[in-house]
Amino acid sequence: MKYRQLTLEELSELETDFARFLAANGVPADHWEKLKSEDSPKVQEFMETFSDIVFQQVLDKVRYLEHTSPNEVHCFFCDSDTIHLLGIKTAEPADLDFSKATDWQAMMDTARQSGIRLQVFRASKSYHRERALELFEMMENGAKISKDGLLYQTLENIVTSA
């Protein structure tokens, strides 16, 4: 198994896709029920294979990841061979909680007006192993997929205009 098995909650959201996967692999619904009732090792194999396919499809599409905590924001642009980090953190303890931000521009303006010092950091690196595996590990450690990359782009604009 390349990634991890989907949870029952995740799998329930993909029930139709899983049924299609089973059918494509020559397993009709009645046969699937029989395999499950017999506690066949094939059940685990099908679940693992389907999970890997789902994760691979999702990870192939990821362009942006975000990891936000009260004092730090890490935004990642996930290019095909390089990952770029744009981060901001408070220089000292401050009454500012990035994890609750909804309007980033307003939060940055508030920080400046309040005299809160922010540290901006950037980094880029090539993937050390397969791109999808690195992104998966980041997600398992709390990074969230950003479909539009809006936070990364907003922070990029704030940083370059400052």
N, C-alpha and C. Protein backbone atom coordinates (compact mmCIF):
# COMPACT_ATOMS: atom_id res chain seq x y z
N MET A 1 0.84 -1.17 0.00
CA MET A 1 0.00 0.00 0.00
C MET A 1 0.89 1.24 0.00
N LYS A 2 0.58 2.14 -0.88
CA LYS A 2 1.42 3.32 -1.06
C LYS A 2 1.08 4.43 -0.07
N TYR A 3 -0.18 4.63 0.23
CA TYR A 3 -0.60 5.72 1.11
C TYR A 3 -1.19 5.15 2.39
N ARG A 4 -2.48 5.24 2.54
CA ARG A 4 -3.17 4.61 3.66
C ARG A 4 -4.56 4.24 3.18
N GLN A 5 -5.19 3.38 3.94
CA GLN A 5 -6.54 2.99 3.57
C GLN A 5 -7.50 4.12 3.93
N LEU A 6 -8.44 4.36 3.06
CA LEU A 6 -9.47 5.36 3.33
C LEU A 6 -10.24 4.97 4.58
N THR A 7 -10.63 5.97 5.36
CA THR A 7 -11.46 5.69 6.52
C THR A 7 -12.87 5.32 6.04
N LEU A 8 -13.66 4.75 6.92
CA LEU A 8 -15.04 4.40 6.55
C LEU A 8 -15.82 5.65 6.15
N GLU A 9 -15.56 6.76 6.82
CA GLU A 9 -16.24 8.02 6.48
C GLU A 9 -15.84 8.48 5.07
N GLU A 10 -14.54 8.43 4.78
CA GLU A 10 -14.07 8.81 3.44
C GLU A 10 -14.63 7.87 2.38
N LEU A 11 -14.62 6.60 2.70
CA LEU A 11 -15.12 5.60 1.75
C LEU A 11 -16.62 5.76 1.50
N SER A 12 -17.36 6.10 2.52
CA SER A 12 -18.81 6.27 2.34
C SER A 12 -19.13 7.42 1.38
N GLU A 13 -18.27 8.43 1.36
CA GLU A 13 -18.46 9.54 0.44
C GLU A 13 -18.13 9.14 -1.00
N LEU A 14 -17.42 8.05 -1.16
CA LEU A 14 -17.01 7.58 -2.48
C LEU A 14 -17.68 6.25 -2.84
N GLU A 15 -18.81 6.00 -2.24
CA GLU A 15 -19.48 4.70 -2.41
C GLU A 15 -19.76 4.37 -3.87
N THR A 16 -20.25 5.34 -4.63
CA THR A 16 -20.56 5.11 -6.04
C THR A 16 -19.28 4.80 -6.82
N ASP A 17 -18.23 5.56 -6.55
CA ASP A 17 -16.95 5.33 -7.22
C ASP A 17 -16.38 3.95 -6.87
N PHE A 18 -16.54 3.56 -5.61
CA PHE A 18 -16.05 2.25 -5.18
C PHE A 18 -16.84 1.14 -5.88
N ALA A 19 -18.14 1.30 -6.01
CA ALA A 19 -18.96 0.31 -6.71
C ALA A 19 -18.51 0.17 -8.17
N ARG A 20 -18.21 1.31 -8.81
CA ARG A 20 -17.71 1.28 -10.19
C ARG A 20 -16.34 0.58 -10.26
N PHE A 21 -15.50 0.87 -9.28
CA PHE A 21 -14.18 0.24 -9.22
C PHE A 21 -14.33 -1.28 -9.11
N LEU A 22 -15.21 -1.71 -8.23
CA LEU A 22 -15.43 -3.15 -8.08
C LEU A 22 -15.95 -3.76 -9.37
N ALA A 23 -16.93 -3.11 -9.99
CA ALA A 23 -17.50 -3.62 -11.24
C ALA A 23 -16.42 -3.70 -12.33
N ALA A 24 -15.58 -2.67 -12.39
CA ALA A 24 -14.51 -2.66 -13.39
C ALA A 24 -13.51 -3.79 -13.16
N ASN A 25 -13.45 -4.26 -11.92
CA ASN A 25 -12.56 -5.36 -11.56
C ASN A 25 -13.29 -6.70 -11.50
N GLY A 26 -14.48 -6.74 -12.10
CA GLY A 26 -15.22 -8.00 -12.20
C GLY A 26 -15.84 -8.48 -10.91
N VAL A 27 -16.16 -7.55 -10.02
CA VAL A 27 -16.76 -7.92 -8.74
C VAL A 27 -18.15 -7.30 -8.64
N PRO A 28 -19.20 -8.06 -8.98
CA PRO A 28 -20.56 -7.53 -8.84
C PRO A 28 -20.93 -7.39 -7.36
N ALA A 29 -21.98 -6.63 -7.09
CA ALA A 29 -22.38 -6.32 -5.71
C ALA A 29 -22.60 -7.57 -4.86
N ASP A 30 -23.27 -8.58 -5.41
CA ASP A 30 -23.55 -9.78 -4.63
C ASP A 30 -22.26 -10.53 -4.27
N HIS A 31 -21.31 -10.54 -5.18
CA HIS A 31 -20.02 -11.19 -4.90
C HIS A 31 -19.25 -10.40 -3.83
N TRP A 32 -19.33 -9.07 -3.89
CA TRP A 32 -18.66 -8.23 -2.90
C TRP A 32 -19.22 -8.52 -1.50
N GLU A 33 -20.52 -8.61 -1.41
CA GLU A 33 -21.15 -8.91 -0.10
C GLU A 33 -20.69 -10.26 0.42
N LYS A 34 -20.56 -11.23 -0.48
CA LYS A 34 -20.09 -12.57 -0.09
C LYS A 34 -18.65 -12.50 0.42
N LEU A 35 -17.79 -11.77 -0.32
CA LEU A 35 -16.40 -11.62 0.12
C LEU A 35 -16.32 -10.99 1.50
N LYS A 36 -17.13 -9.96 1.73
CA LYS A 36 -17.12 -9.28 3.05
C LYS A 36 -17.58 -10.23 4.14
N SER A 37 -18.63 -11.00 3.88
CA SER A 37 -19.17 -11.90 4.91
C SER A 37 -18.19 -13.03 5.23
N GLU A 38 -17.37 -13.41 4.25
CA GLU A 38 -16.37 -14.46 4.46
C GLU A 38 -15.08 -13.92 5.06
N ASP A 39 -15.02 -12.60 5.22
CA ASP A 39 -13.81 -11.95 5.72
C ASP A 39 -12.60 -12.33 4.87
N SER A 40 -12.81 -12.29 3.57
CA SER A 40 -11.79 -12.67 2.60
C SER A 40 -10.66 -11.64 2.57
N PRO A 41 -9.42 -12.11 2.39
CA PRO A 41 -8.30 -11.18 2.23
C PRO A 41 -8.46 -10.29 0.99
N LYS A 42 -9.27 -10.75 0.05
CA LYS A 42 -9.52 -9.96 -1.15
C LYS A 42 -10.18 -8.62 -0.80
N VAL A 43 -10.99 -8.60 0.24
CA VAL A 43 -11.65 -7.36 0.67
C VAL A 43 -10.59 -6.31 0.98
N GLN A 44 -9.61 -6.70 1.77
CA GLN A 44 -8.53 -5.78 2.13
C GLN A 44 -7.76 -5.33 0.90
N GLU A 45 -7.47 -6.24 0.00
CA GLU A 45 -6.74 -5.91 -1.22
C GLU A 45 -7.50 -4.87 -2.05
N PHE A 46 -8.80 -5.09 -2.24
CA PHE A 46 -9.60 -4.14 -3.01
C PHE A 46 -9.65 -2.77 -2.33
N MET A 47 -9.80 -2.77 -1.01
CA MET A 47 -9.87 -1.51 -0.27
C MET A 47 -8.54 -0.75 -0.39
N GLU A 48 -7.44 -1.45 -0.27
CA GLU A 48 -6.13 -0.81 -0.36
C GLU A 48 -5.87 -0.28 -1.77
N THR A 49 -6.19 -1.07 -2.77
CA THR A 49 -5.97 -0.64 -4.14
C THR A 49 -6.82 0.59 -4.46
N PHE A 50 -8.09 0.55 -4.07
CA PHE A 50 -8.98 1.69 -4.32
C PHE A 50 -8.48 2.92 -3.58
N SER A 51 -8.05 2.76 -2.34
CA SER A 51 -7.53 3.89 -1.56
C SER A 51 -6.33 4.52 -2.25
N ASP A 52 -5.40 3.70 -2.70
CA ASP A 52 -4.22 4.23 -3.40
C ASP A 52 -4.61 4.98 -4.66
N ILE A 53 -5.58 4.46 -5.40
CA ILE A 53 -6.02 5.13 -6.63
C ILE A 53 -6.62 6.49 -6.30
N VAL A 54 -7.47 6.53 -5.29
CA VAL A 54 -8.11 7.79 -4.90
C VAL A 54 -7.08 8.81 -4.47
N PHE A 55 -6.18 8.41 -3.57
CA PHE A 55 -5.16 9.34 -3.10
C PHE A 55 -4.27 9.82 -4.25
N GLN A 56 -3.88 8.92 -5.14
CA GLN A 56 -3.03 9.31 -6.25
C GLN A 56 -3.73 10.34 -7.13
N GLN A 57 -5.00 10.12 -7.41
CA GLN A 57 -5.75 11.07 -8.25
C GLN A 57 -5.84 12.44 -7.58
N VAL A 58 -6.09 12.46 -6.28
CA VAL A 58 -6.19 13.72 -5.55
C VAL A 58 -4.83 14.42 -5.53
N LEU A 59 -3.80 13.70 -5.18
CA LEU A 59 -2.46 14.29 -5.04
C LEU A 59 -1.91 14.79 -6.37
N ASP A 60 -2.25 14.13 -7.46
CA ASP A 60 -1.81 14.58 -8.77
C ASP A 60 -2.35 15.97 -9.11
N LYS A 61 -3.49 16.33 -8.53
CA LYS A 61 -4.14 17.61 -8.83
C LYS A 61 -3.75 18.72 -7.87
N VAL A 62 -3.11 18.39 -6.76
CA VAL A 62 -2.77 19.39 -5.74
C VAL A 62 -1.77 20.40 -6.30
N ARG A 63 -2.11 21.67 -6.15
CA ARG A 63 -1.21 22.76 -6.53
C ARG A 63 -0.81 23.59 -5.31
N TYR A 64 -1.71 23.69 -4.33
CA TYR A 64 -1.46 24.51 -3.15
C TYR A 64 -1.83 23.75 -1.88
N LEU A 65 -1.00 23.89 -0.87
CA LEU A 65 -1.28 23.37 0.47
C LEU A 65 -1.10 24.51 1.47
N GLU A 66 -1.82 24.41 2.57
CA GLU A 66 -1.73 25.42 3.63
C GLU A 66 -1.65 24.72 4.98
N HIS A 67 -0.84 25.27 5.84
CA HIS A 67 -0.79 24.79 7.23
C HIS A 67 -0.79 26.03 8.11
N THR A 68 -1.85 26.17 8.89
CA THR A 68 -2.03 27.37 9.70
C THR A 68 -2.10 26.99 11.18
N SER A 69 -1.37 27.73 11.99
CA SER A 69 -1.45 27.60 13.43
C SER A 69 -1.65 29.00 14.00
N PRO A 70 -1.88 29.14 15.29
CA PRO A 70 -2.12 30.48 15.83
C PRO A 70 -1.01 31.48 15.53
N ASN A 71 0.25 31.06 15.53
CA ASN A 71 1.36 32.00 15.36
C ASN A 71 2.06 31.92 14.01
N GLU A 72 1.69 30.95 13.18
CA GLU A 72 2.39 30.79 11.90
C GLU A 72 1.44 30.36 10.79
N VAL A 73 1.82 30.75 9.58
CA VAL A 73 1.12 30.32 8.38
C VAL A 73 2.18 29.82 7.40
N HIS A 74 1.98 28.62 6.91
CA HIS A 74 2.84 28.06 5.87
C HIS A 74 1.97 27.80 4.65
N CYS A 75 2.28 28.46 3.56
CA CYS A 75 1.57 28.24 2.30
C CYS A 75 2.57 27.64 1.32
N PHE A 76 2.12 26.64 0.59
CA PHE A 76 2.98 25.94 -0.33
C PHE A 76 2.41 25.96 -1.73
N PHE A 77 3.26 26.28 -2.69
CA PHE A 77 2.92 26.11 -4.09
C PHE A 77 3.65 24.86 -4.53
N CYS A 78 2.91 23.86 -4.94
CA CYS A 78 3.46 22.54 -5.25
C CYS A 78 3.60 22.38 -6.76
N ASP A 79 4.74 22.79 -7.26
CA ASP A 79 5.03 22.68 -8.68
C ASP A 79 5.35 21.22 -9.00
N SER A 80 5.60 20.92 -10.24
CA SER A 80 5.82 19.52 -10.62
C SER A 80 7.10 18.94 -10.04
N ASP A 81 8.16 19.75 -9.94
CA ASP A 81 9.42 19.22 -9.43
C ASP A 81 9.98 20.01 -8.24
N THR A 82 9.33 21.09 -7.88
CA THR A 82 9.79 21.95 -6.78
C THR A 82 8.59 22.38 -5.95
N ILE A 83 8.83 22.47 -4.64
CA ILE A 83 7.79 23.00 -3.76
C ILE A 83 8.30 24.33 -3.20
N HIS A 84 7.41 25.32 -3.21
CA HIS A 84 7.77 26.67 -2.77
C HIS A 84 6.97 27.00 -1.51
N LEU A 85 7.66 27.47 -0.50
CA LEU A 85 7.05 27.85 0.77
C LEU A 85 7.03 29.36 0.89
N LEU A 86 5.91 29.88 1.33
CA LEU A 86 5.78 31.28 1.73
C LEU A 86 5.16 31.23 3.11
N GLY A 87 5.87 31.77 4.09
CA GLY A 87 5.38 31.70 5.46
C GLY A 87 5.44 33.03 6.17
N ILE A 88 4.60 33.15 7.15
CA ILE A 88 4.58 34.33 8.01
C ILE A 88 4.41 33.84 9.43
N LYS A 89 5.15 34.47 10.35
CA LYS A 89 4.95 34.16 11.76
C LYS A 89 5.15 35.41 12.58
N THR A 90 4.58 35.42 13.76
CA THR A 90 4.76 36.56 14.65
C THR A 90 6.17 36.48 15.24
N ALA A 91 6.83 37.63 15.31
CA ALA A 91 8.20 37.67 15.80
C ALA A 91 8.26 37.45 17.31
N GLU A 92 7.20 37.78 18.00
CA GLU A 92 7.11 37.57 19.44
C GLU A 92 5.65 37.23 19.75
N PRO A 93 5.38 36.74 20.95
CA PRO A 93 3.98 36.44 21.28
C PRO A 93 3.10 37.67 21.03
N ALA A 94 1.98 37.43 20.37
CA ALA A 94 1.11 38.55 20.01
C ALA A 94 -0.35 38.12 20.09
N ASP A 95 -1.19 39.11 20.23
CA ASP A 95 -2.63 38.85 20.27
C ASP A 95 -3.16 38.79 18.83
N LEU A 96 -2.71 37.78 18.13
CA LEU A 96 -3.05 37.61 16.73
C LEU A 96 -3.12 36.10 16.50
N ASP A 97 -4.22 35.61 15.98
CA ASP A 97 -4.39 34.17 15.78
C ASP A 97 -4.63 33.88 14.31
N PHE A 98 -3.58 33.42 13.63
CA PHE A 98 -3.69 33.13 12.20
C PHE A 98 -4.70 32.02 11.92
N SER A 99 -4.87 31.11 12.86
CA SER A 99 -5.78 29.98 12.61
C SER A 99 -7.24 30.40 12.53
N LYS A 100 -7.55 31.61 12.95
CA LYS A 100 -8.94 32.10 12.92
C LYS A 100 -9.16 33.16 11.85
N ALA A 101 -8.14 33.40 11.03
CA ALA A 101 -8.23 34.47 10.03
C ALA A 101 -9.21 34.11 8.92
N THR A 102 -10.01 35.09 8.54
CA THR A 102 -10.89 34.94 7.38
C THR A 102 -10.57 35.99 6.33
N ASP A 103 -10.09 37.14 6.78
CA ASP A 103 -9.70 38.22 5.86
C ASP A 103 -8.22 38.51 6.12
N TRP A 104 -7.36 37.94 5.29
CA TRP A 104 -5.92 38.03 5.51
C TRP A 104 -5.39 39.43 5.35
N GLN A 105 -5.91 40.16 4.40
CA GLN A 105 -5.44 41.53 4.21
C GLN A 105 -5.76 42.36 5.46
N ALA A 106 -6.97 42.20 5.99
CA ALA A 106 -7.35 42.93 7.21
C ALA A 106 -6.48 42.50 8.39
N MET A 107 -6.17 41.21 8.48
CA MET A 107 -5.34 40.74 9.58
C MET A 107 -3.93 41.34 9.49
N MET A 108 -3.38 41.39 8.30
CA MET A 108 -2.05 41.99 8.13
C MET A 108 -2.07 43.48 8.44
N ASP A 109 -3.13 44.16 8.03
CA ASP A 109 -3.27 45.59 8.34
C ASP A 109 -3.36 45.80 9.85
N THR A 110 -4.14 44.96 10.52
CA THR A 110 -4.27 45.04 11.98
C THR A 110 -2.92 44.81 12.65
N ALA A 111 -2.18 43.84 12.16
CA ALA A 111 -0.86 43.56 12.73
C ALA A 111 0.06 44.77 12.59
N ARG A 112 0.08 45.37 11.41
CA ARG A 112 0.93 46.56 11.20
C ARG A 112 0.50 47.71 12.09
N GLN A 113 -0.80 47.98 12.16
CA GLN A 113 -1.31 49.09 12.96
C GLN A 113 -1.07 48.87 14.45
N SER A 114 -1.04 47.61 14.87
CA SER A 114 -0.82 47.29 16.28
C SER A 114 0.65 47.19 16.63
N GLY A 115 1.51 47.34 15.63
CA GLY A 115 2.94 47.25 15.87
C GLY A 115 3.44 45.82 16.04
N ILE A 116 2.65 44.86 15.64
CA ILE A 116 3.07 43.46 15.74
C ILE A 116 4.07 43.18 14.63
N ARG A 117 5.25 42.73 15.05
CA ARG A 117 6.27 42.42 14.05
C ARG A 117 6.03 41.03 13.48
N LEU A 118 6.05 40.97 12.18
CA LEU A 118 5.87 39.70 11.49
C LEU A 118 7.15 39.34 10.75
N GLN A 119 7.48 38.08 10.78
CA GLN A 119 8.62 37.57 10.02
C GLN A 119 8.09 36.83 8.81
N VAL A 120 8.62 37.18 7.67
CA VAL A 120 8.25 36.50 6.43
C VAL A 120 9.40 35.60 6.03
N PHE A 121 9.10 34.42 5.60
CA PHE A 121 10.16 33.53 5.14
C PHE A 121 9.71 32.79 3.90
N ARG A 122 10.69 32.50 3.09
CA ARG A 122 10.46 31.80 1.83
C ARG A 122 11.50 30.70 1.70
N ALA A 123 11.13 29.68 0.99
CA ALA A 123 12.07 28.62 0.67
C ALA A 123 11.53 27.85 -0.53
N SER A 124 12.42 27.24 -1.23
CA SER A 124 12.06 26.35 -2.34
C SER A 124 12.97 25.15 -2.26
N LYS A 125 12.44 24.01 -2.61
CA LYS A 125 13.27 22.81 -2.64
C LYS A 125 12.70 21.82 -3.64
N SER A 126 13.57 21.00 -4.13
CA SER A 126 13.13 19.89 -4.98
C SER A 126 12.58 18.81 -4.07
N TYR A 127 11.69 18.04 -4.59
CA TYR A 127 11.17 16.92 -3.81
C TYR A 127 12.28 15.90 -3.59
N HIS A 128 12.36 15.36 -2.36
CA HIS A 128 13.39 14.38 -2.05
C HIS A 128 13.00 12.98 -2.53
N ARG A 129 11.72 12.77 -2.67
CA ARG A 129 11.21 11.51 -3.20
C ARG A 129 10.00 11.84 -4.06
N GLU A 130 9.21 10.88 -4.38
CA GLU A 130 8.06 11.12 -5.25
C GLU A 130 7.18 12.25 -4.72
N ARG A 131 6.80 13.17 -5.59
CA ARG A 131 6.02 14.36 -5.24
C ARG A 131 4.78 13.98 -4.43
N ALA A 132 4.01 13.04 -4.92
CA ALA A 132 2.76 12.67 -4.27
C ALA A 132 2.99 12.16 -2.85
N LEU A 133 4.05 11.42 -2.64
CA LEU A 133 4.35 10.91 -1.29
C LEU A 133 4.69 12.04 -0.33
N GLU A 134 5.44 13.02 -0.80
CA GLU A 134 5.77 14.16 0.06
C GLU A 134 4.53 14.97 0.40
N LEU A 135 3.68 15.21 -0.60
CA LEU A 135 2.46 15.96 -0.34
C LEU A 135 1.53 15.20 0.59
N PHE A 136 1.44 13.89 0.41
CA PHE A 136 0.62 13.07 1.28
C PHE A 136 1.10 13.16 2.73
N GLU A 137 2.40 13.08 2.92
CA GLU A 137 2.96 13.18 4.27
C GLU A 137 2.64 14.54 4.90
N MET A 138 2.74 15.59 4.10
CA MET A 138 2.41 16.93 4.60
C MET A 138 0.94 16.99 5.02
N MET A 139 0.08 16.39 4.23
CA MET A 139 -1.35 16.40 4.56
C MET A 139 -1.62 15.57 5.82
N GLU A 140 -0.95 14.46 5.96
CA GLU A 140 -1.12 13.64 7.16
C GLU A 140 -0.63 14.38 8.40
N ASN A 141 0.27 15.36 8.20
CA ASN A 141 0.78 16.17 9.31
C ASN A 141 0.04 17.49 9.47
N GLY A 142 -1.12 17.62 8.83
CA GLY A 142 -1.96 18.78 9.08
C GLY A 142 -2.14 19.77 7.96
N ALA A 143 -1.39 19.66 6.88
CA ALA A 143 -1.57 20.59 5.76
C ALA A 143 -2.91 20.30 5.08
N LYS A 144 -3.55 21.34 4.63
CA LYS A 144 -4.85 21.24 3.96
C LYS A 144 -4.69 21.66 2.51
N ILE A 145 -5.45 21.03 1.65
CA ILE A 145 -5.44 21.39 0.24
C ILE A 145 -6.18 22.71 0.06
N SER A 146 -5.59 23.58 -0.71
CA SER A 146 -6.26 24.82 -1.11
C SER A 146 -6.57 24.67 -2.59
N LYS A 147 -7.83 24.71 -2.92
CA LYS A 147 -8.22 24.51 -4.32
C LYS A 147 -7.85 25.68 -5.20
N ASP A 148 -7.86 26.89 -4.63
CA ASP A 148 -7.63 28.07 -5.46
C ASP A 148 -6.30 28.77 -5.18
N GLY A 149 -5.60 28.41 -4.14
CA GLY A 149 -4.32 29.05 -3.83
C GLY A 149 -4.47 30.50 -3.41
N LEU A 150 -5.66 30.89 -3.02
CA LEU A 150 -5.93 32.28 -2.70
C LEU A 150 -5.07 32.80 -1.55
N LEU A 151 -4.89 32.03 -0.51
CA LEU A 151 -4.07 32.48 0.61
C LEU A 151 -2.62 32.67 0.18
N TYR A 152 -2.08 31.75 -0.57
CA TYR A 152 -0.70 31.89 -1.07
C TYR A 152 -0.58 33.17 -1.89
N GLN A 153 -1.49 33.38 -2.80
CA GLN A 153 -1.45 34.55 -3.67
C GLN A 153 -1.66 35.84 -2.89
N THR A 154 -2.56 35.81 -1.90
CA THR A 154 -2.79 36.99 -1.06
C THR A 154 -1.54 37.35 -0.29
N LEU A 155 -0.92 36.36 0.34
CA LEU A 155 0.32 36.62 1.09
C LEU A 155 1.44 37.09 0.16
N GLU A 156 1.50 36.51 -1.02
CA GLU A 156 2.50 36.93 -2.00
C GLU A 156 2.31 38.41 -2.34
N ASN A 157 1.07 38.82 -2.56
CA ASN A 157 0.78 40.24 -2.87
C ASN A 157 1.11 41.15 -1.69
N ILE A 158 0.76 40.71 -0.48
CA ILE A 158 1.04 41.51 0.72
C ILE A 158 2.54 41.67 0.90
N VAL A 159 3.28 40.60 0.75
CA VAL A 159 4.73 40.61 0.95
C VAL A 159 5.42 41.47 -0.10
N THR A 160 5.02 41.34 -1.36
CA THR A 160 5.69 42.08 -2.41
C THR A 160 5.31 43.56 -2.41
N SER A 161 4.15 43.90 -1.84
CA SER A 161 3.75 45.31 -1.81
C SER A 161 4.20 46.02 -0.54
N ALA A 162 4.73 45.26 0.42
CA ALA A 162 5.15 45.85 1.70
C ALA A 162 6.48 46.54 1.58
